C-alpha cells in the first residue's frame, strides 16, 4: 500500500462506525419514545431478540473500534515522545479491552438468565 493510502482503512473505520453508531442511537431513542418496554422482562426479551442482540454487539464493537482510531490519532498527533506514546497506546488498548470484556460479560449474563 502506498504512503498516501496508509490511513485510508482507519478513516473508513472511523466514518463507517460513526454512521452506524449515529443510526443505532437514533433508532434506540425513537424505539424508546414510541414503544418503550413496560417492565424488565419486556426489556430483556427485546434485547435478547436475535436482531437486537446482533445490533447491540455490533454497536459496542464499533464503539470500541471508533474510540481506538480516534484516540490513537490524537495520541499520534499530540504526543511526540515515542516512549510516552507507546505507553499511552498500551494503556488505551488495555482499557478498551477491559470495556470489551465487561460488555461481553454483560451480554452473556443477559442471555443465560
N, C-alpha and C. Protein backbone atom coordinates (compact mmCIF):
# COMPACT_ATOMS: atom_id res chain seq x y z
N UNK A 1 0.85 -1.17 0.00
CA UNK A 1 0.00 0.00 0.00
C UNK A 1 0.89 1.24 0.00
N UNK A 2 0.52 2.22 -0.77
CA UNK A 2 1.34 3.42 -0.85
C UNK A 2 1.19 4.27 0.41
N UNK A 3 2.14 5.18 0.58
CA UNK A 3 2.09 6.05 1.76
C UNK A 3 0.83 6.91 1.78
N UNK A 4 0.34 7.27 0.60
CA UNK A 4 -0.86 8.11 0.54
C UNK A 4 -2.09 7.39 1.07
N UNK A 5 -2.12 6.06 0.96
CA UNK A 5 -3.32 5.31 1.35
C UNK A 5 -3.20 4.61 2.69
N UNK A 6 -2.13 4.85 3.43
CA UNK A 6 -1.93 4.15 4.70
C UNK A 6 -3.04 4.42 5.71
N UNK A 7 -3.52 5.61 5.79
CA UNK A 7 -4.55 5.95 6.77
C UNK A 7 -5.96 5.72 6.29
N UNK A 8 -6.11 5.19 5.07
CA UNK A 8 -7.45 5.04 4.50
C UNK A 8 -8.30 4.04 5.28
N UNK A 9 -7.73 2.92 5.70
CA UNK A 9 -8.50 1.93 6.46
C UNK A 9 -9.02 2.51 7.77
N UNK A 10 -8.17 3.24 8.48
CA UNK A 10 -8.60 3.87 9.73
C UNK A 10 -9.68 4.91 9.46
N UNK A 11 -9.52 5.66 8.38
CA UNK A 11 -10.50 6.68 8.02
C UNK A 11 -11.85 6.04 7.72
N UNK A 12 -11.83 4.94 6.96
CA UNK A 12 -13.07 4.24 6.61
C UNK A 12 -13.73 3.66 7.87
N UNK A 13 -12.93 3.05 8.75
CA UNK A 13 -13.48 2.51 10.00
C UNK A 13 -14.10 3.62 10.84
N UNK A 14 -13.42 4.75 10.93
CA UNK A 14 -13.91 5.87 11.75
C UNK A 14 -15.24 6.39 11.20
N UNK A 15 -15.31 6.62 9.89
CA UNK A 15 -16.53 7.17 9.30
C UNK A 15 -17.65 6.15 9.27
N UNK A 16 -17.32 4.92 8.91
CA UNK A 16 -18.34 3.87 8.86
C UNK A 16 -18.94 3.59 10.22
N UNK A 17 -18.08 3.52 11.23
CA UNK A 17 -18.58 3.27 12.58
C UNK A 17 -19.40 4.44 13.08
N UNK A 18 -19.01 5.66 12.72
CA UNK A 18 -19.78 6.83 13.14
C UNK A 18 -21.19 6.80 12.56
N UNK A 19 -21.32 6.38 11.31
CA UNK A 19 -22.64 6.30 10.67
C UNK A 19 -23.50 5.26 11.40
N UNK A 20 -22.94 4.07 11.65
CA UNK A 20 -23.71 3.02 12.33
C UNK A 20 -24.08 3.46 13.74
N UNK A 21 -23.12 4.03 14.48
CA UNK A 21 -23.39 4.45 15.86
C UNK A 21 -24.50 5.50 15.89
N UNK A 22 -24.45 6.46 14.99
CA UNK A 22 -25.47 7.51 14.96
C UNK A 22 -26.84 6.92 14.61
N UNK A 23 -26.88 6.06 13.61
CA UNK A 23 -28.16 5.44 13.23
C UNK A 23 -28.73 4.58 14.36
N UNK A 24 -27.88 3.84 15.03
CA UNK A 24 -28.35 2.98 16.12
C UNK A 24 -28.89 3.82 17.27
N UNK A 25 -28.20 4.89 17.62
CA UNK A 25 -28.66 5.74 18.72
C UNK A 25 -30.02 6.36 18.37
N UNK A 26 -30.17 6.83 17.13
CA UNK A 26 -31.46 7.40 16.71
C UNK A 26 -32.54 6.33 16.79
N UNK A 27 -32.26 5.14 16.27
CA UNK A 27 -33.24 4.05 16.33
C UNK A 27 -33.60 3.71 17.78
N UNK A 28 -32.59 3.64 18.63
CA UNK A 28 -32.81 3.28 20.04
C UNK A 28 -33.69 4.32 20.73
N UNK A 29 -33.38 5.59 20.54
CA UNK A 29 -34.15 6.66 21.19
C UNK A 29 -35.59 6.68 20.66
N UNK A 30 -35.76 6.56 19.35
CA UNK A 30 -37.10 6.55 18.77
C UNK A 30 -37.89 5.33 19.27
N UNK A 31 -37.22 4.18 19.35
CA UNK A 31 -37.89 2.98 19.86
C UNK A 31 -38.37 3.18 21.29
N UNK A 32 -37.54 3.80 22.11
CA UNK A 32 -37.93 4.04 23.50
C UNK A 32 -39.05 5.07 23.60
N UNK A 33 -39.04 6.05 22.70
CA UNK A 33 -40.08 7.08 22.75
C UNK A 33 -41.45 6.53 22.37
N UNK A 34 -41.49 5.65 21.37
CA UNK A 34 -42.78 5.21 20.85
C UNK A 34 -43.20 3.80 21.28
N UNK A 35 -42.26 2.98 21.71
CA UNK A 35 -42.62 1.62 22.09
C UNK A 35 -41.70 1.14 23.21
N UNK A 36 -41.71 1.84 24.31
CA UNK A 36 -40.82 1.50 25.43
C UNK A 36 -41.27 0.20 26.09
N UNK A 37 -40.32 -0.66 26.43
CA UNK A 37 -40.69 -1.87 27.17
C UNK A 37 -41.32 -1.49 28.51
N UNK A 38 -42.37 -2.22 28.88
CA UNK A 38 -43.14 -1.87 30.07
C UNK A 38 -42.48 -2.29 31.36
N UNK A 39 -41.67 -3.35 31.31
CA UNK A 39 -41.02 -3.83 32.53
C UNK A 39 -39.69 -4.49 32.16
N UNK A 40 -39.03 -5.00 33.17
CA UNK A 40 -37.72 -5.61 32.97
C UNK A 40 -37.78 -6.80 32.02
N UNK A 41 -38.80 -7.62 32.12
CA UNK A 41 -38.90 -8.82 31.30
C UNK A 41 -39.14 -8.47 29.83
N UNK A 42 -39.93 -7.45 29.59
CA UNK A 42 -40.14 -6.99 28.21
C UNK A 42 -38.85 -6.41 27.64
N UNK A 43 -38.13 -5.66 28.47
CA UNK A 43 -36.84 -5.09 28.05
C UNK A 43 -35.86 -6.22 27.69
N UNK A 44 -35.77 -7.22 28.56
CA UNK A 44 -34.84 -8.33 28.33
C UNK A 44 -35.22 -9.11 27.07
N UNK A 45 -36.50 -9.33 26.87
CA UNK A 45 -36.95 -10.03 25.67
C UNK A 45 -36.59 -9.24 24.41
N UNK A 46 -36.73 -7.92 24.49
CA UNK A 46 -36.38 -7.06 23.35
C UNK A 46 -34.89 -7.13 23.06
N UNK A 47 -34.07 -7.07 24.09
CA UNK A 47 -32.61 -7.11 23.91
C UNK A 47 -32.17 -8.50 23.47
N UNK A 48 -32.86 -9.55 23.92
CA UNK A 48 -32.47 -10.92 23.58
C UNK A 48 -32.94 -11.37 22.20
N UNK A 49 -33.77 -10.58 21.55
CA UNK A 49 -34.18 -10.97 20.20
C UNK A 49 -32.94 -11.01 19.31
N UNK A 50 -32.88 -11.94 18.36
CA UNK A 50 -31.65 -12.10 17.57
C UNK A 50 -31.19 -10.83 16.86
N UNK A 51 -32.12 -10.10 16.27
CA UNK A 51 -31.73 -8.89 15.54
C UNK A 51 -31.16 -7.84 16.49
N UNK A 52 -31.82 -7.63 17.62
CA UNK A 52 -31.33 -6.62 18.56
C UNK A 52 -30.04 -7.04 19.23
N UNK A 53 -29.88 -8.31 19.54
CA UNK A 53 -28.63 -8.73 20.18
C UNK A 53 -27.46 -8.55 19.22
N UNK A 54 -27.65 -8.85 17.95
CA UNK A 54 -26.58 -8.62 16.96
C UNK A 54 -26.33 -7.12 16.81
N UNK A 55 -27.40 -6.33 16.78
CA UNK A 55 -27.24 -4.88 16.66
C UNK A 55 -26.49 -4.30 17.86
N UNK A 56 -26.80 -4.79 19.07
CA UNK A 56 -26.09 -4.32 20.27
C UNK A 56 -24.62 -4.70 20.23
N UNK A 57 -24.34 -5.96 19.84
CA UNK A 57 -22.94 -6.40 19.79
C UNK A 57 -22.16 -5.60 18.75
N UNK A 58 -22.79 -5.34 17.60
CA UNK A 58 -22.13 -4.51 16.58
C UNK A 58 -21.91 -3.10 17.11
N UNK A 59 -22.90 -2.57 17.84
CA UNK A 59 -22.77 -1.23 18.40
C UNK A 59 -21.55 -1.13 19.30
N UNK A 60 -21.42 -2.07 20.22
CA UNK A 60 -20.30 -2.00 21.16
C UNK A 60 -18.96 -2.28 20.49
N UNK A 61 -18.92 -3.22 19.55
CA UNK A 61 -17.67 -3.50 18.84
C UNK A 61 -17.23 -2.28 18.03
N UNK A 62 -18.18 -1.66 17.32
CA UNK A 62 -17.84 -0.48 16.54
C UNK A 62 -17.51 0.72 17.43
N UNK A 63 -18.16 0.80 18.58
CA UNK A 63 -17.84 1.87 19.52
C UNK A 63 -16.40 1.76 20.00
N UNK A 64 -15.97 0.54 20.32
CA UNK A 64 -14.59 0.34 20.76
C UNK A 64 -13.61 0.62 19.62
N UNK A 65 -13.93 0.17 18.41
CA UNK A 65 -13.06 0.47 17.27
C UNK A 65 -12.99 1.95 16.97
N UNK A 66 -14.13 2.62 17.07
CA UNK A 66 -14.19 4.06 16.85
C UNK A 66 -13.34 4.80 17.89
N UNK A 67 -13.46 4.39 19.13
CA UNK A 67 -12.67 5.01 20.21
C UNK A 67 -11.18 4.77 19.99
N UNK A 68 -10.81 3.56 19.58
CA UNK A 68 -9.39 3.25 19.35
C UNK A 68 -8.81 4.14 18.25
N UNK A 69 -9.49 4.22 17.11
CA UNK A 69 -8.96 5.01 15.99
C UNK A 69 -8.88 6.48 16.38
N UNK A 70 -9.92 6.99 17.02
CA UNK A 70 -9.92 8.41 17.40
C UNK A 70 -8.83 8.75 18.40
N UNK A 71 -8.73 7.96 19.45
CA UNK A 71 -7.71 8.25 20.47
C UNK A 71 -6.30 7.99 19.94
N UNK A 72 -6.15 6.96 19.11
CA UNK A 72 -4.84 6.70 18.51
C UNK A 72 -4.38 7.89 17.67
N UNK A 73 -5.30 8.45 16.89
CA UNK A 73 -4.95 9.61 16.08
C UNK A 73 -4.57 10.81 16.95
N UNK A 74 -5.30 11.02 18.04
CA UNK A 74 -4.97 12.12 18.95
C UNK A 74 -3.59 11.90 19.56
N UNK A 75 -3.32 10.68 20.03
CA UNK A 75 -2.01 10.39 20.61
C UNK A 75 -0.90 10.56 19.59
N UNK A 76 -1.13 10.10 18.36
CA UNK A 76 -0.10 10.22 17.31
C UNK A 76 0.17 11.69 16.98
N UNK A 77 -0.86 12.51 17.02
CA UNK A 77 -0.70 13.92 16.67
C UNK A 77 -0.09 14.75 17.79
N UNK A 78 -0.42 14.45 19.04
CA UNK A 78 -0.06 15.35 20.13
C UNK A 78 0.98 14.83 21.11
N UNK A 79 1.36 13.57 21.04
CA UNK A 79 2.42 13.05 21.91
C UNK A 79 3.63 12.78 21.05
N UNK A 80 4.64 13.61 21.19
CA UNK A 80 5.81 13.50 20.31
C UNK A 80 6.79 12.42 20.75
N UNK A 81 6.89 12.16 22.04
CA UNK A 81 7.81 11.14 22.54
C UNK A 81 7.26 9.74 22.21
N UNK A 82 8.07 8.96 21.50
CA UNK A 82 7.62 7.63 21.10
C UNK A 82 7.38 6.73 22.31
N UNK A 83 8.21 6.87 23.33
CA UNK A 83 8.05 6.05 24.54
C UNK A 83 6.73 6.36 25.24
N UNK A 84 6.45 7.63 25.46
CA UNK A 84 5.21 8.02 26.14
C UNK A 84 4.00 7.65 25.27
N UNK A 85 4.13 7.85 23.97
CA UNK A 85 3.04 7.50 23.06
C UNK A 85 2.76 6.00 23.11
N UNK A 86 3.80 5.19 23.13
CA UNK A 86 3.63 3.73 23.20
C UNK A 86 2.96 3.31 24.50
N UNK A 87 3.37 3.94 25.59
CA UNK A 87 2.75 3.64 26.89
C UNK A 87 1.28 4.05 26.87
N UNK A 88 0.99 5.24 26.35
CA UNK A 88 -0.39 5.71 26.29
C UNK A 88 -1.25 4.79 25.42
N UNK A 89 -0.71 4.37 24.27
CA UNK A 89 -1.46 3.47 23.40
C UNK A 89 -1.68 2.10 24.05
N UNK A 90 -0.68 1.63 24.78
CA UNK A 90 -0.83 0.36 25.50
C UNK A 90 -1.89 0.44 26.57
N UNK A 91 -1.89 1.54 27.33
CA UNK A 91 -2.91 1.73 28.37
C UNK A 91 -4.30 1.86 27.76
N UNK A 92 -4.38 2.57 26.64
CA UNK A 92 -5.66 2.70 25.94
C UNK A 92 -6.15 1.33 25.46
N UNK A 93 -5.25 0.54 24.90
CA UNK A 93 -5.62 -0.80 24.44
C UNK A 93 -6.13 -1.65 25.60
N UNK A 94 -5.45 -1.58 26.74
CA UNK A 94 -5.90 -2.34 27.91
C UNK A 94 -7.27 -1.87 28.39
N UNK A 95 -7.47 -0.56 28.42
CA UNK A 95 -8.76 -0.01 28.87
C UNK A 95 -9.89 -0.43 27.93
N UNK A 96 -9.65 -0.35 26.62
CA UNK A 96 -10.68 -0.74 25.66
C UNK A 96 -10.93 -2.25 25.70
N UNK A 97 -9.88 -3.02 25.91
CA UNK A 97 -10.05 -4.47 26.05
C UNK A 97 -10.88 -4.79 27.29
N UNK A 98 -10.61 -4.09 28.39
CA UNK A 98 -11.40 -4.29 29.61
C UNK A 98 -12.86 -3.93 29.38
N UNK A 99 -13.12 -2.84 28.68
CA UNK A 99 -14.50 -2.45 28.37
C UNK A 99 -15.17 -3.50 27.49
N UNK A 100 -14.45 -4.01 26.51
CA UNK A 100 -14.99 -5.04 25.64
C UNK A 100 -15.32 -6.32 26.39
N UNK A 101 -14.43 -6.73 27.29
CA UNK A 101 -14.68 -7.93 28.09
C UNK A 101 -15.86 -7.72 29.04
N UNK A 102 -15.95 -6.53 29.61
CA UNK A 102 -17.07 -6.21 30.51
C UNK A 102 -18.40 -6.28 29.75
N UNK A 103 -18.42 -5.69 28.55
CA UNK A 103 -19.63 -5.72 27.74
C UNK A 103 -19.98 -7.15 27.35
N UNK A 104 -18.98 -7.95 27.01
CA UNK A 104 -19.22 -9.35 26.67
C UNK A 104 -19.82 -10.10 27.86
N UNK A 105 -19.30 -9.85 29.03
CA UNK A 105 -19.82 -10.48 30.26
C UNK A 105 -21.28 -10.10 30.48
N UNK A 106 -21.60 -8.83 30.30
CA UNK A 106 -22.98 -8.36 30.48
C UNK A 106 -23.90 -9.05 29.49
N UNK A 107 -23.49 -9.12 28.22
CA UNK A 107 -24.33 -9.75 27.21
C UNK A 107 -24.51 -11.25 27.48
N UNK A 108 -23.44 -11.93 27.87
CA UNK A 108 -23.53 -13.36 28.15
C UNK A 108 -24.45 -13.61 29.34
N UNK A 109 -24.29 -12.82 30.40
CA UNK A 109 -25.15 -12.99 31.58
C UNK A 109 -26.61 -12.69 31.25
N UNK A 110 -26.85 -11.73 30.37
CA UNK A 110 -28.23 -11.40 29.99
C UNK A 110 -28.87 -12.56 29.24
N UNK A 111 -28.09 -13.28 28.43
CA UNK A 111 -28.64 -14.39 27.66
C UNK A 111 -28.76 -15.67 28.47
N UNK A 112 -28.00 -15.79 29.55
CA UNK A 112 -28.04 -17.01 30.35
C UNK A 112 -29.24 -17.05 31.29
N UNK A 113 -29.81 -15.93 31.59
CA UNK A 113 -30.93 -15.89 32.54
C UNK A 113 -32.22 -16.29 31.87
